[in-house]
Amino acid sequence: MEIKQYDIYLINLDPAIGSEVQKTRPCLVISPDEMNRNIQTIIIAPMTTKSHDYPTRVKVIFKTKTGWIALDQIRTVDRRRLVKRLGCITDETIINIKAIIKEMLVD
């Protein structure tokens, strides 16, 4: 399976501990394509429909549902957790995500 950066996949996140996002849910792949082609783990950010407008959450409309990409819950998962590809996000959302990740982790 070819896994591409900024695609959304249904991913099984269980078992989870404490405040980690859990269950099988849509998640955004944020690891770069070269990494996705060459190692068995994928860096993802889970998506949720229940959230508030936090600085680390990106509001998105995907398949007629309004939700958030939880950049404060970034994690690495084995590619065997991926269930199926659901789609991708817009270029505008990608730009927003990059800016937030840069602010969170670089600046």
Protein backbone atom coordinates (compact mmCIF):
# COMPACT_ATOMS: atom_id res chain seq x y z
CA MET A 1 0.00 0.00 0.00
CA GLU A 2 1.39 3.40 -1.00
CA ILE A 3 0.93 5.85 1.87
CA LYS A 4 1.12 9.55 1.01
CA GLN A 5 1.71 12.57 3.21
CA TYR A 6 -1.50 14.53 3.93
CA ASP A 7 -3.79 11.62 3.06
CA ILE A 8 -6.43 10.64 5.59
CA TYR A 9 -6.63 7.01 6.67
CA LEU A 10 -8.93 5.13 8.99
CA ILE A 11 -6.51 3.93 11.70
CA ASN A 12 -6.96 1.67 14.71
CA LEU A 13 -5.45 3.60 17.66
CA ASP A 14 -6.27 1.06 20.37
CA PRO A 15 -4.99 0.29 22.88
CA ALA A 16 -4.68 3.84 24.18
CA ILE A 17 -3.66 5.00 27.65
CA GLY A 18 -4.96 7.96 29.64
CA SER A 19 -5.78 11.01 27.52
CA GLU A 20 -4.53 9.56 24.23
CA VAL A 21 -7.04 9.61 21.38
CA GLN A 22 -8.47 6.12 21.06
CA LYS A 23 -10.57 3.79 18.89
CA THR A 24 -10.53 3.44 15.11
CA ARG A 25 -10.82 6.91 13.59
CA PRO A 26 -9.68 9.04 10.67
CA CYS A 27 -6.10 10.28 10.99
CA LEU A 28 -3.93 12.53 8.86
CA VAL A 29 -0.57 11.18 7.70
CA ILE A 30 2.06 13.83 8.40
CA SER A 31 5.26 11.82 7.83
CA PRO A 32 6.97 12.59 4.50
CA ASP A 33 6.55 10.28 1.50
CA GLU A 34 10.19 9.12 1.55
CA MET A 35 9.79 7.98 5.15
CA ASN A 36 6.45 6.34 4.34
CA ARG A 37 8.09 4.34 1.52
CA ASN A 38 11.07 3.14 3.53
CA ILE A 39 10.11 2.37 7.12
CA GLN A 40 7.27 0.48 8.77
CA THR A 41 6.01 3.32 10.95
CA ILE A 42 3.89 6.31 9.97
CA ILE A 43 3.58 9.64 11.82
CA ILE A 44 -0.07 10.63 12.13
CA ALA A 45 -2.33 13.20 13.73
CA PRO A 46 -5.74 11.87 14.81
CA MET A 47 -8.95 13.60 13.81
CA THR A 48 -11.93 14.19 16.07
CA THR A 49 -15.38 15.73 15.80
CA LYS A 50 -15.47 16.60 19.51
CA SER A 51 -13.10 19.42 20.29
CA HIS A 52 -12.77 23.11 20.91
CA ASP A 53 -10.88 25.73 18.97
CA TYR A 54 -7.42 25.12 20.49
CA PRO A 55 -4.26 26.60 18.90
CA THR A 56 -2.98 23.06 18.17
CA ARG A 57 -6.21 21.91 16.50
CA VAL A 58 -6.93 22.55 12.82
CA LYS A 59 -10.60 22.84 11.93
CA VAL A 60 -11.46 20.84 8.82
CA ILE A 61 -14.54 19.77 6.89
CA PHE A 62 -14.08 16.22 5.63
CA LYS A 63 -16.82 14.18 4.00
CA THR A 64 -19.50 16.66 5.12
CA LYS A 65 -18.42 16.49 8.78
CA THR A 66 -16.78 19.32 10.67
CA GLY A 67 -13.92 18.20 12.88
CA TRP A 68 -10.40 18.93 14.04
CA ILE A 69 -6.97 17.54 13.27
CA ALA A 70 -5.35 17.14 16.70
CA LEU A 71 -1.73 18.20 16.20
CA ASP A 72 -1.24 18.01 19.98
CA GLN A 73 -1.84 14.24 19.68
CA ILE A 74 0.79 13.47 17.00
CA ARG A 75 2.02 9.90 17.29
CA THR A 76 3.83 7.20 15.39
CA VAL A 77 1.99 4.01 14.47
CA ASP A 78 2.90 0.81 12.68
CA ARG A 79 1.49 0.72 9.16
CA ARG A 80 -0.45 -2.45 10.11
CA ARG A 81 -2.82 -0.17 12.08
CA LEU A 82 -4.01 1.48 8.84
CA VAL A 83 -7.43 0.15 7.83
CA LYS A 84 -8.16 2.06 4.62
CA ARG A 85 -7.56 5.33 2.79
CA LEU A 86 -10.41 7.84 3.14
CA GLY A 87 -9.17 10.83 1.13
CA CYS A 88 -6.97 13.90 1.45
CA ILE A 89 -7.06 17.49 2.71
CA THR A 90 -6.96 20.79 0.83
CA ASP A 91 -3.81 22.77 0.05
CA GLU A 92 -5.05 25.55 2.34
CA THR A 93 -5.34 23.10 5.25
CA ILE A 94 -1.84 21.75 4.52
CA ILE A 95 -0.39 25.28 4.73
CA ASN A 96 -2.17 25.83 8.06
CA ILE A 97 -0.93 22.50 9.46
CA LYS A 98 2.68 23.23 8.44
CA ALA A 99 2.55 26.63 10.16
CA ILE A 100 1.20 25.17 13.40
CA ILE A 101 3.70 22.31 13.46
CA LYS A 102 6.52 24.80 12.84
CA GLU A 103 5.31 26.98 15.69
CA MET A 104 4.89 23.97 18.00
CA LEU A 105 8.18 22.21 17.29
CA VAL A 106 10.63 24.56 15.61
CA ASP A 107 10.15 28.18 16.67
